[in-house]
Amino acid sequence: MPTLQESFEELKSRVKPKQAAGLDVLVQFEISGDPGGTWHVVIKDGNFHLSEGSASAPNLTLQISSQDWFDMVAGRKSSHMLFLTGRLKVKGDTLLSMRLASLLNI
């Protein structure tokens, strides 16, 4: 199983600069379980910058268990289905969450 850092690096490789053009967002990921932790990503002008820890004012916060996180990144579960079943919680800009799912192919 990859580490959380590796799973985020996998997401970074999926960002398509044309799709991310014009975006200037701060997204926080709160991952529970083992391994777990809080990470945040700045997506700005097609760039994807990852940092461990909390963000001061995220546009969007996603809460998910580590097992569901790894399944989602690997494509075994969709973010849409996890959201509909209450296993992925979204705080903040829900329209941004849909755009993010498309951008990251999750």
PDB file of N, CA and C in Angstrom:
ATOM      1  N   MET A   1       0.856  -1.187   0.000  1.00  0.00           N
ATOM      2  CA  MET A   1       0.000   0.000   0.000  1.00  0.00           C
ATOM      3  C   MET A   1       0.894   1.240   0.000  1.00  0.00           C
ATOM      4  N   PRO A   2       0.561   2.214  -0.838  1.00  0.00           N
ATOM      5  CA  PRO A   2       1.365   3.436  -0.876  1.00  0.00           C
ATOM      6  C   PRO A   2       1.179   4.250   0.409  1.00  0.00           C
ATOM      7  N   THR A   3       2.093   5.164   0.641  1.00  0.00           N
ATOM      8  CA  THR A   3       1.958   6.085   1.762  1.00  0.00           C
ATOM      9  C   THR A   3       0.983   7.186   1.356  1.00  0.00           C
ATOM     10  N   LEU A   4       0.542   7.983   2.324  1.00  0.00           N
ATOM     11  CA  LEU A   4      -0.324   9.120   1.978  1.00  0.00           C
ATOM     12  C   LEU A   4       0.407  10.073   1.041  1.00  0.00           C
ATOM     13  N   GLN A   5       1.676  10.320   1.328  1.00  0.00           N
ATOM     14  CA  GLN A   5       2.473  11.207   0.469  1.00  0.00           C
ATOM     15  C   GLN A   5       2.465  10.688  -0.970  1.00  0.00           C
ATOM     16  N   GLU A   6       2.692   9.394  -1.146  1.00  0.00           N
ATOM     17  CA  GLU A   6       2.696   8.808  -2.490  1.00  0.00           C
ATOM     18  C   GLU A   6       1.335   8.912  -3.161  1.00  0.00           C
ATOM     19  N   SER A   7       0.270   8.764  -2.378  1.00  0.00           N
ATOM     20  CA  SER A   7      -1.074   8.872  -2.967  1.00  0.00           C
ATOM     21  C   SER A   7      -1.345  10.294  -3.450  1.00  0.00           C
ATOM     22  N   PHE A   8      -0.858  11.285  -2.705  1.00  0.00           N
ATOM     23  CA  PHE A   8      -1.019  12.673  -3.159  1.00  0.00           C
ATOM     24  C   PHE A   8      -0.165  12.954  -4.381  1.00  0.00           C
ATOM     25  N   GLU A   9       1.025  12.381  -4.433  1.00  0.00           N
ATOM     26  CA  GLU A   9       1.874  12.548  -5.612  1.00  0.00           C
ATOM     27  C   GLU A   9       1.195  11.940  -6.838  1.00  0.00           C
ATOM     28  N   GLU A  10       0.493  10.825  -6.640  1.00  0.00           N
ATOM     29  CA  GLU A  10      -0.265  10.221  -7.735  1.00  0.00           C
ATOM     30  C   GLU A  10      -1.336  11.201  -8.226  1.00  0.00           C
ATOM     31  N   LEU A  11      -2.042  11.854  -7.301  1.00  0.00           N
ATOM     32  CA  LEU A  11      -3.057  12.832  -7.707  1.00  0.00           C
ATOM     33  C   LEU A  11      -2.423  13.993  -8.466  1.00  0.00           C
ATOM     34  N   LYS A  12      -1.267  14.423  -7.983  1.00  0.00           N
ATOM     35  CA  LYS A  12      -0.574  15.539  -8.637  1.00  0.00           C
ATOM     36  C   LYS A  12      -0.291  15.215 -10.102  1.00  0.00           C
ATOM     37  N   SER A  13       0.058  13.984 -10.373  1.00  0.00           N
ATOM     38  CA  SER A  13       0.373  13.596 -11.747  1.00  0.00           C
ATOM     39  C   SER A  13      -0.862  13.614 -12.649  1.00  0.00           C
ATOM     40  N   ARG A  14      -2.040  13.618 -12.058  1.00  0.00           N
ATOM     41  CA  ARG A  14      -3.282  13.610 -12.841  1.00  0.00           C
ATOM     42  C   ARG A  14      -3.753  15.005 -13.244  1.00  0.00           C
ATOM     43  N   VAL A  15      -3.210  16.036 -12.620  1.00  0.00           N
ATOM     44  CA  VAL A  15      -3.677  17.395 -12.888  1.00  0.00           C
ATOM     45  C   VAL A  15      -3.323  17.782 -14.320  1.00  0.00           C
ATOM     46  N   LYS A  16      -4.341  18.153 -15.042  1.00  0.00           N
ATOM     47  CA  LYS A  16      -4.160  18.602 -16.413  1.00  0.00           C
ATOM     48  C   LYS A  16      -4.126  20.130 -16.398  1.00  0.00           C
ATOM     49  N   PRO A  17      -2.993  20.724 -16.786  1.00  0.00           N
ATOM     50  CA  PRO A  17      -2.858  22.181 -16.693  1.00  0.00           C
ATOM     51  C   PRO A  17      -4.000  22.964 -17.332  1.00  0.00           C
ATOM     52  N   LYS A  18      -4.520  22.482 -18.476  1.00  0.00           N
ATOM     53  CA  LYS A  18      -5.620  23.210 -19.120  1.00  0.00           C
ATOM     54  C   LYS A  18      -6.873  23.208 -18.252  1.00  0.00           C
ATOM     55  N   GLN A  19      -7.162  22.056 -17.598  1.00  0.00           N
ATOM     56  CA  GLN A  19      -8.335  21.987 -16.729  1.00  0.00           C
ATOM     57  C   GLN A  19      -8.145  22.838 -15.483  1.00  0.00           C
ATOM     58  N   ALA A  20      -6.912  22.941 -15.008  1.00  0.00           N
ATOM     59  CA  ALA A  20      -6.631  23.681 -13.775  1.00  0.00           C
ATOM     60  C   ALA A  20      -6.382  25.164 -14.029  1.00  0.00           C
ATOM     61  N   ALA A  21      -6.338  25.575 -15.283  1.00  0.00           N
ATOM     62  CA  ALA A  21      -6.091  26.973 -15.610  1.00  0.00           C
ATOM     63  C   ALA A  21      -7.144  27.858 -14.955  1.00  0.00           C
ATOM     64  N   GLY A  22      -6.689  28.903 -14.327  1.00  0.00           N
ATOM     65  CA  GLY A  22      -7.607  29.847 -13.695  1.00  0.00           C
ATOM     66  C   GLY A  22      -8.017  29.476 -12.288  1.00  0.00           C
ATOM     67  N   LEU A  23      -7.705  28.274 -11.867  1.00  0.00           N
ATOM     68  CA  LEU A  23      -8.037  27.865 -10.494  1.00  0.00           C
ATOM     69  C   LEU A  23      -7.063  28.494  -9.513  1.00  0.00           C
ATOM     70  N   ASP A  24      -7.576  28.905  -8.391  1.00  0.00           N
ATOM     71  CA  ASP A  24      -6.760  29.397  -7.285  1.00  0.00           C
ATOM     72  C   ASP A  24      -7.487  28.960  -6.023  1.00  0.00           C
ATOM     73  N   VAL A  25      -7.229  27.713  -5.604  1.00  0.00           N
ATOM     74  CA  VAL A  25      -7.976  27.125  -4.494  1.00  0.00           C
ATOM     75  C   VAL A  25      -7.042  26.468  -3.488  1.00  0.00           C
ATOM     76  N   LEU A  26      -7.550  26.378  -2.286  1.00  0.00           N
ATOM     77  CA  LEU A  26      -6.870  25.701  -1.187  1.00  0.00           C
ATOM     78  C   LEU A  26      -7.808  24.609  -0.693  1.00  0.00           C
ATOM     79  N   VAL A  27      -7.355  23.368  -0.811  1.00  0.00           N
ATOM     80  CA  VAL A  27      -8.181  22.215  -0.442  1.00  0.00           C
ATOM     81  C   VAL A  27      -7.497  21.471   0.693  1.00  0.00           C
ATOM     82  N   GLN A  28      -8.253  21.214   1.744  1.00  0.00           N
ATOM     83  CA  GLN A  28      -7.732  20.466   2.887  1.00  0.00           C
ATOM     84  C   GLN A  28      -8.312  19.062   2.886  1.00  0.00           C
ATOM     85  N   PHE A  29      -7.454  18.079   3.157  1.00  0.00           N
ATOM     86  CA  PHE A  29      -7.846  16.685   3.237  1.00  0.00           C
ATOM     87  C   PHE A  29      -7.624  16.215   4.669  1.00  0.00           C
ATOM     88  N   GLU A  30      -8.682  15.776   5.327  1.00  0.00           N
ATOM     89  CA  GLU A  30      -8.593  15.243   6.690  1.00  0.00           C
ATOM     90  C   GLU A  30      -8.842  13.749   6.593  1.00  0.00           C
ATOM     91  N   ILE A  31      -7.770  12.985   6.749  1.00  0.00           N
ATOM     92  CA  ILE A  31      -7.830  11.542   6.547  1.00  0.00           C
ATOM     93  C   ILE A  31      -7.714  10.859   7.896  1.00  0.00           C
ATOM     94  N   SER A  32      -8.760  10.106   8.243  1.00  0.00           N
ATOM     95  CA  SER A  32      -8.800   9.436   9.545  1.00  0.00           C
ATOM     96  C   SER A  32      -8.302   8.005   9.422  1.00  0.00           C
ATOM     97  N   GLY A  33      -7.950   7.418  10.552  1.00  0.00           N
ATOM     98  CA  GLY A  33      -7.503   6.030  10.558  1.00  0.00           C
ATOM     99  C   GLY A  33      -5.994   5.945  10.486  1.00  0.00           C
ATOM    100  N   ASP A  34      -5.528   4.770  10.140  1.00  0.00           N
ATOM    101  CA  ASP A  34      -4.093   4.530  10.090  1.00  0.00           C
ATOM    102  C   ASP A  34      -3.717   4.071   8.692  1.00  0.00           C
ATOM    103  N   PRO A  35      -2.915   4.782   7.946  1.00  0.00           N
ATOM    104  CA  PRO A  35      -2.315   6.049   8.325  1.00  0.00           C
ATOM    105  C   PRO A  35      -3.314   7.173   8.106  1.00  0.00           C
ATOM    106  N   GLY A  36      -3.198   8.180   8.867  1.00  0.00           N
ATOM    107  CA  GLY A  36      -4.097   9.315   8.742  1.00  0.00           C
ATOM    108  C   GLY A  36      -3.319  10.598   8.880  1.00  0.00           C
ATOM    109  N   GLY A  37      -4.023  11.677   8.747  1.00  0.00           N
ATOM    110  CA  GLY A  37      -3.391  12.976   8.902  1.00  0.00           C
ATOM    111  C   GLY A  37      -4.144  14.031   8.137  1.00  0.00           C
ATOM    112  N   THR A  38      -3.660  15.230   8.270  1.00  0.00           N
ATOM    113  CA  THR A  38      -4.255  16.370   7.583  1.00  0.00           C
ATOM    114  C   THR A  38      -3.227  16.923   6.607  1.00  0.00           C
ATOM    115  N   TRP A  39      -3.670  17.125   5.393  1.00  0.00           N
ATOM    116  CA  TRP A  39      -2.832  17.646   4.319  1.00  0.00           C
ATOM    117  C   TRP A  39      -3.617  18.746   3.622  1.00  0.00           C
ATOM    118  N   HIS A  40      -2.912  19.629   2.968  1.00  0.00           N
ATOM    119  CA  HIS A  40      -3.609  20.603   2.133  1.00  0.00           C
ATOM    120  C   HIS A  40      -2.853  20.801   0.828  1.00  0.00           C
ATOM    121  N   VAL A  41      -3.640  21.175  -0.160  1.00  0.00           N
ATOM    122  CA  VAL A  41      -3.135  21.337  -1.519  1.00  0.00           C
ATOM    123  C   VAL A  41      -3.559  22.710  -2.023  1.00  0.00           C
ATOM    124  N   VAL A  42      -2.616  23.401  -2.608  1.00  0.00           N
ATOM    125  CA  VAL A  42      -2.912  24.648  -3.310  1.00  0.00           C
ATOM    126  C   VAL A  42      -2.841  24.332  -4.795  1.00  0.00           C
ATOM    127  N   ILE A  43      -3.932  24.600  -5.485  1.00  0.00           N
ATOM    128  CA  ILE A  43      -3.958  24.457  -6.937  1.00  0.00           C
ATOM    129  C   ILE A  43      -4.128  25.860  -7.496  1.00  0.00           C
ATOM    130  N   LYS A  44      -3.084  26.310  -8.164  1.00  0.00           N
ATOM    131  CA  LYS A  44      -3.093  27.683  -8.675  1.00  0.00           C
ATOM    132  C   LYS A  44      -2.401  27.714 -10.031  1.00  0.00           C
ATOM    133  N   ASP A  45      -3.107  28.228 -11.021  1.00  0.00           N
ATOM    134  CA  ASP A  45      -2.559  28.377 -12.369  1.00  0.00           C
ATOM    135  C   ASP A  45      -1.955  27.080 -12.907  1.00  0.00           C
ATOM    136  N   GLY A  46      -2.633  25.972 -12.661  1.00  0.00           N
ATOM    137  CA  GLY A  46      -2.184  24.694 -13.179  1.00  0.00           C
ATOM    138  C   GLY A  46      -1.155  23.988 -12.319  1.00  0.00           C
ATOM    139  N   ASN A  47      -0.685  24.628 -11.262  1.00  0.00           N
ATOM    140  CA  ASN A  47       0.290  24.010 -10.365  1.00  0.00           C
ATOM    141  C   ASN A  47      -0.406  23.378  -9.168  1.00  0.00           C
ATOM    142  N   PHE A  48       0.220  22.357  -8.611  1.00  0.00           N
ATOM    143  CA  PHE A  48      -0.335  21.570  -7.508  1.00  0.00           C
ATOM    144  C   PHE A  48       0.746  21.514  -6.437  1.00  0.00           C
ATOM    145  N   HIS A  49       0.528  22.223  -5.325  1.00  0.00           N
ATOM    146  CA  HIS A  49       1.531  22.261  -4.258  1.00  0.00           C
ATOM    147  C   HIS A  49       0.944  21.620  -3.004  1.00  0.00           C
ATOM    148  N   LEU A  50       1.584  20.548  -2.538  1.00  0.00           N
ATOM    149  CA  LEU A  50       1.132  19.761  -1.398  1.00  0.00           C
ATOM    150  C   LEU A  50       1.917  20.101  -0.145  1.00  0.00           C
ATOM    151  N   SER A  51       1.210  20.210   0.989  1.00  0.00           N
ATOM    152  CA  SER A  51       1.854  20.417   2.286  1.00  0.00           C
ATOM    153  C   SER A  51       1.133  19.584   3.329  1.00  0.00           C
ATOM    154  N   GLU A  52       1.882  19.092   4.281  1.00  0.00           N
ATOM    155  CA  GLU A  52       1.280  18.366   5.392  1.00  0.00           C
ATOM    156  C   GLU A  52       0.835  19.377   6.436  1.00  0.00           C
ATOM    157  N   GLY A  53      -0.302  19.097   7.085  1.00  0.00           N
ATOM    158  CA  GLY A  53      -0.831  19.974   8.122  1.00  0.00           C
ATOM    159  C   GLY A  53      -2.082  20.694   7.679  1.00  0.00           C
ATOM    160  N   SER A  54      -2.626  21.447   8.621  1.00  0.00           N
ATOM    161  CA  SER A  54      -3.871  22.183   8.376  1.00  0.00           C
ATOM    162  C   SER A  54      -3.613  23.472   7.613  1.00  0.00           C
ATOM    163  N   ALA A  55      -4.628  23.892   6.901  1.00  0.00           N
ATOM    164  CA  ALA A  55      -4.598  25.174   6.193  1.00  0.00           C
ATOM    165  C   ALA A  55      -5.403  26.187   6.994  1.00  0.00           C
ATOM    166  N   SER A  56      -5.063  27.446   6.861  1.00  0.00           N
ATOM    167  CA  SER A  56      -5.752  28.461   7.658  1.00  0.00           C
ATOM    168  C   SER A  56      -7.178  28.741   7.196  1.00  0.00           C
ATOM    169  N   ALA A  57      -7.411  28.775   5.914  1.00  0.00           N
ATOM    170  CA  ALA A  57      -8.755  29.088   5.411  1.00  0.00           C
ATOM    171  C   ALA A  57      -9.005  28.349   4.098  1.00  0.00           C
ATOM    172  N   PRO A  58      -9.220  27.026   4.155  1.00  0.00           N
ATOM    173  CA  PRO A  58      -9.434  26.284   2.912  1.00  0.00           C
ATOM    174  C   PRO A  58     -10.762  26.633   2.253  1.00  0.00           C
ATOM    175  N   ASN A  59     -10.769  26.590   0.918  1.00  0.00           N
ATOM    176  CA  ASN A  59     -12.014  26.763   0.171  1.00  0.00           C
ATOM    177  C   ASN A  59     -12.893  25.530   0.310  1.00  0.00           C
ATOM    178  N   LEU A  60     -12.222  24.390   0.538  1.00  0.00           N
ATOM    179  CA  LEU A  60     -12.905  23.110   0.568  1.00  0.00           C
ATOM    180  C   LEU A  60     -12.165  22.181   1.520  1.00  0.00           C
ATOM    181  N   THR A  61     -12.915  21.448   2.347  1.00  0.00           N
ATOM    182  CA  THR A  61     -12.331  20.439   3.224  1.00  0.00           C
ATOM    183  C   THR A  61     -13.022  19.118   2.944  1.00  0.00           C
ATOM    184  N   LEU A  62     -12.208  18.089   2.719  1.00  0.00           N
ATOM    185  CA  LEU A  62     -12.724  16.746   2.482  1.00  0.00           C
ATOM    186  C   LEU A  62     -12.303  15.865   3.651  1.00  0.00           C
ATOM    187  N   GLN A  63     -13.274  15.142   4.224  1.00  0.00           N
ATOM    188  CA  GLN A  63     -13.007  14.227   5.332  1.00  0.00           C
ATOM    189  C   GLN A  63     -13.329  12.816   4.870  1.00  0.00           C
ATOM    190  N   ILE A  64     -12.349  11.897   5.083  1.00  0.00           N
ATOM    191  CA  ILE A  64     -12.482  10.539   4.577  1.00  0.00           C
ATOM    192  C   ILE A  64     -11.580   9.611   5.385  1.00  0.00           C
ATOM    193  N   SER A  65     -11.951   8.339   5.467  1.00  0.00           N
ATOM    194  CA  SER A  65     -11.089   7.368   6.148  1.00  0.00           C
ATOM    195  C   SER A  65      -9.914   7.015   5.234  1.00  0.00           C
ATOM    196  N   SER A  66      -8.829   6.565   5.827  1.00  0.00           N
ATOM    197  CA  SER A  66      -7.650   6.230   5.016  1.00  0.00           C
ATOM    198  C   SER A  66      -7.957   5.097   4.040  1.00  0.00           C
ATOM    199  N   GLN A  67      -8.712   4.099   4.461  1.00  0.00           N
ATOM    200  CA  GLN A  67      -9.026   2.990   3.549  1.00  0.00           C
ATOM    201  C   GLN A  67      -9.828   3.479   2.349  1.00  0.00           C
ATOM    202  N   ASP A  68     -10.852   4.317   2.609  1.00  0.00           N
ATOM    203  CA  ASP A  68     -11.636   4.862   1.505  1.00  0.00           C
ATOM    204  C   ASP A  68     -10.787   5.779   0.627  1.00  0.00           C
ATOM    205  N   TRP A  69      -9.875   6.525   1.238  1.00  0.00           N
ATOM    206  CA  TRP A  69      -8.973   7.404   0.484  1.00  0.00           C
ATOM    207  C   TRP A  69      -8.155   6.598  -0.530  1.00  0.00           C
ATOM    208  N   PHE A  70      -7.492   5.535  -0.035  1.00  0.00           N
ATOM    209  CA  PHE A  70      -6.658   4.733  -0.916  1.00  0.00           C
ATOM    210  C   PHE A  70      -7.493   4.046  -1.997  1.00  0.00           C
ATOM    211  N   ASP A  71      -8.700   3.597  -1.645  1.00  0.00           N
ATOM    212  CA  ASP A  71      -9.584   2.985  -2.646  1.00  0.00           C
ATOM    213  C   ASP A  71     -10.005   4.004  -3.701  1.00  0.00           C
ATOM    214  N   MET A  72     -10.264   5.233  -3.284  1.00  0.00           N
ATOM    215  CA  MET A  72     -10.687   6.281  -4.208  1.00  0.00           C
ATOM    216  C   MET A  72      -9.545   6.644  -5.161  1.00  0.00           C
ATOM    217  N   VAL A  73      -8.356   6.850  -4.627  1.00  0.00           N
ATOM    218  CA  VAL A  73      -7.218   7.219  -5.465  1.00  0.00           C
ATOM    219  C   VAL A  73      -6.876   6.103  -6.451  1.00  0.00           C
ATOM    220  N   ALA A  74      -7.036   4.846  -6.015  1.00  0.00           N
ATOM    221  CA  ALA A  74      -6.746   3.698  -6.882  1.00  0.00           C
ATOM    222  C   ALA A  74      -7.856   3.423  -7.892  1.00  0.00           C
ATOM    223  N   GLY A  75      -8.990   4.104  -7.762  1.00  0.00           N
ATOM    224  CA  GLY A  75     -10.092   3.905  -8.699  1.00  0.00           C
ATOM    225  C   GLY A  75     -11.036   2.777  -8.334  1.00  0.00           C
ATOM    226  N   ARG A  76     -10.876   2.200  -7.142  1.00  0.00           N
ATOM    227  CA  ARG A  76     -11.772   1.115  -6.725  1.00  0.00           C
ATOM    228  C   ARG A  76     -13.105   1.661  -6.208  1.00  0.00           C
ATOM    229  N   LYS A  77     -13.122   2.915  -5.766  1.00  0.00           N
ATOM    230  CA  LYS A  77     -14.352   3.582  -5.320  1.00  0.00           C
ATOM    231  C   LYS A  77     -14.349   4.987  -5.892  1.00  0.00           C
ATOM    232  N   SER A  78     -15.536   5.477  -6.237  1.00  0.00           N
ATOM    233  CA  SER A  78     -15.630   6.838  -6.773  1.00  0.00           C
ATOM    234  C   SER A  78     -15.929   7.825  -5.656  1.00  0.00           C
ATOM    235  N   SER A  79     -15.431   9.029  -5.817  1.00  0.00           N
ATOM    236  CA  SER A  79     -15.709  10.077  -4.828  1.00  0.00           C
ATOM    237  C   SER A  79     -17.213  10.339  -4.755  1.00  0.00           C
ATOM    238  N   HIS A  80     -17.886  10.245  -5.884  1.00  0.00           N
ATOM    239  CA  HIS A  80     -19.333  10.469  -5.923  1.00  0.00           C
ATOM    240  C   HIS A  80     -20.067   9.449  -5.051  1.00  0.00           C
ATOM    241  N   MET A  81     -19.721   8.174  -5.195  1.00  0.00           N
ATOM    242  CA  MET A  81     -20.381   7.131  -4.412  1.00  0.00           C
ATOM    243  C   MET A  81     -20.029   7.270  -2.927  1.00  0.00           C
ATOM    244  N   LEU A  82     -18.778   7.580  -2.631  1.00  0.00           N
ATOM    245  CA  LEU A  82     -18.384   7.765  -1.234  1.00  0.00           C
ATOM    246  C   LEU A  82     -19.150   8.933  -0.603  1.00  0.00           C
ATOM    247  N   PHE A  83     -19.358   9.993  -1.377  1.00  0.00           N
ATOM    248  CA  PHE A  83     -20.114  11.139  -0.879  1.00  0.00           C
ATOM    249  C   PHE A  83     -21.580  10.758  -0.636  1.00  0.00           C
ATOM    250  N   LEU A  84     -22.182  10.072  -1.595  1.00  0.00           N
ATOM    251  CA  LEU A  84     -23.594   9.698  -1.477  1.00  0.00           C
ATOM    252  C   LEU A  84     -23.851   8.753  -0.305  1.00  0.00           C
ATOM    253  N   THR A  85     -22.863   7.943   0.056  1.00  0.00           N
ATOM    254  CA  THR A  85     -23.030   7.010   1.172  1.00  0.00           C
ATOM    255  C   THR A  85     -22.538   7.588   2.502  1.00  0.00           C
ATOM    256  N   GLY A  86     -22.115   8.857   2.500  1.00  0.00           N
ATOM    257  CA  GLY A  86     -21.698   9.513   3.733  1.00  0.00           C
ATOM    258  C   GLY A  86     -20.286   9.177   4.181  1.00  0.00           C
ATOM    259  N   ARG A  87     -19.541   8.496   3.330  1.00  0.00           N
ATOM    260  CA  ARG A  87     -18.170   8.108   3.706  1.00  0.00           C
ATOM    261  C   ARG A  87     -17.154   9.182   3.330  1.00  0.00           C
ATOM    262  N   LEU A  88     -17.557  10.117   2.495  1.00  0.00           N
ATOM    263  CA  LEU A  88     -16.759  11.287   2.151  1.00  0.00           C
ATOM    264  C   LEU A  88     -17.585  12.502   2.530  1.00  0.00           C
ATOM    265  N   LYS A  89     -17.059  13.291   3.435  1.00  0.00           N
ATOM    266  CA  LYS A  89     -17.766  14.496   3.873  1.00  0.00           C
ATOM    267  C   LYS A  89     -17.099  15.715   3.244  1.00  0.00           C
ATOM    268  N   VAL A  90     -17.936  16.632   2.785  1.00  0.00           N
ATOM    269  CA  VAL A  90     -17.470  17.831   2.098  1.00  0.00           C
ATOM    270  C   VAL A  90     -17.911  19.049   2.889  1.00  0.00           C
ATOM    271  N   LYS A  91     -16.947  19.902   3.207  1.00  0.00           N
ATOM    272  CA  LYS A  91     -17.248  21.173   3.874  1.00  0.00           C
ATOM    273  C   LYS A  91     -16.734  22.292   2.995  1.00  0.00           C
ATOM    274  N   GLY A  92     -17.587  23.273   2.756  1.00  0.00           N
ATOM    275  CA  GLY A  92     -17.172  24.396   1.921  1.00  0.00           C
ATOM    276  C   GLY A  92     -17.857  24.357   0.575  1.00  0.00           C
ATOM    277  N   ASP A  93     -17.133  24.729  -0.433  1.00  0.00           N
ATOM    278  CA  ASP A  93     -17.642  24.895  -1.797  1.00  0.00           C
ATOM    279  C   ASP A  93     -17.912  23.540  -2.458  1.00  0.00           C
ATOM    280  N   THR A  94     -19.170  23.106  -2.447  1.00  0.00           N
ATOM    281  CA  THR A  94     -19.506  21.795  -3.017  1.00  0.00           C
ATOM    282  C   THR A  94     -19.337  21.761  -4.538  1.00  0.00           C
ATOM    283  N   LEU A  95     -19.548  22.885  -5.209  1.00  0.00           N
ATOM    284  CA  LEU A  95     -19.316  22.921  -6.656  1.00  0.00           C
ATOM    285  C   LEU A  95     -17.835  22.705  -6.957  1.00  0.00           C
ATOM    286  N   LEU A  96     -16.980  23.249  -6.116  1.00  0.00           N
ATOM    287  CA  LEU A  96     -15.542  23.035  -6.267  1.00  0.00           C
ATOM    288  C   LEU A  96     -15.201  21.571  -6.073  1.00  0.00           C
ATOM    289  N   SER A  97     -15.897  20.888  -5.175  1.00  0.00           N
ATOM    290  CA  SER A  97     -15.614  19.461  -4.953  1.00  0.00           C
ATOM    291  C   SER A  97     -15.897  18.651  -6.218  1.00  0.00           C
ATOM    292  N   MET A  98     -16.932  19.021  -6.948  1.00  0.00           N
ATOM    293  CA  MET A  98     -17.240  18.310  -8.192  1.00  0.00           C
ATOM    294  C   MET A  98     -16.186  18.597  -9.261  1.00  0.00           C
ATOM    295  N   ARG A  99     -15.748  19.832  -9.326  1.00  0.00           N
ATOM    296  CA  ARG A  99     -14.696  20.186 -10.290  1.00  0.00           C
ATOM    297  C   ARG A  99     -13.382  19.486  -9.930  1.00  0.00           C
ATOM    298  N   LEU A 100     -13.095  19.405  -8.640  1.00  0.00           N
ATOM    299  CA  LEU A 100     -11.882  18.741  -8.174  1.00  0.00           C
ATOM    300  C   LEU A 100     -11.909  17.249  -8.513  1.00  0.00           C
ATOM    301  N   ALA A 101     -13.066  16.618  -8.330  1.00  0.00           N
ATOM    302  CA  ALA A 101     -13.200  15.198  -8.666  1.00  0.00           C
ATOM    303  C   ALA A 101     -12.901  14.957 -10.143  1.00  0.00           C
ATOM    304  N   SER A 102     -13.382  15.844 -10.984  1.00  0.00           N
ATOM    305  CA  SER A 102     -13.117  15.720 -12.415  1.00  0.00           C
ATOM    306  C   SER A 102     -11.648  16.000 -12.734  1.00  0.00           C
ATOM    307  N   LEU A 103     -11.090  17.026 -12.123  1.00  0.00           N
ATOM    308  CA  LEU A 103      -9.706  17.411 -12.350  1.00  0.00           C
ATOM    309  C   LEU A 103      -8.735  16.308 -11.957  1.00  0.00           C
ATOM    310  N   LEU A 104      -9.027  15.636 -10.815  1.00  0.00           N
ATOM    311  CA  LEU A 104      -8.123  14.613 -10.286  1.00  0.00           C
ATOM    312  C   LEU A 104      -8.523  13.192 -10.683  1.00  0.00           C
ATOM    313  N   ASN A 105      -9.632  13.079 -11.402  1.00  0.00           N
ATOM    314  CA  ASN A 105     -10.134  11.764 -11.836  1.00  0.00           C
ATOM    315  C   ASN A 105     -10.331  10.822 -10.645  1.00  0.00           C
ATOM    316  N   ILE A 106     -11.093  11.307  -9.670  1.00  0.00           N
ATOM    317  CA  ILE A 106     -11.382  10.491  -8.475  1.00  0.00           C
ATOM    318  C   ILE A 106     -12.876  10.338  -8.294  1.00  0.00           C
TER     319      ILE A 106
END
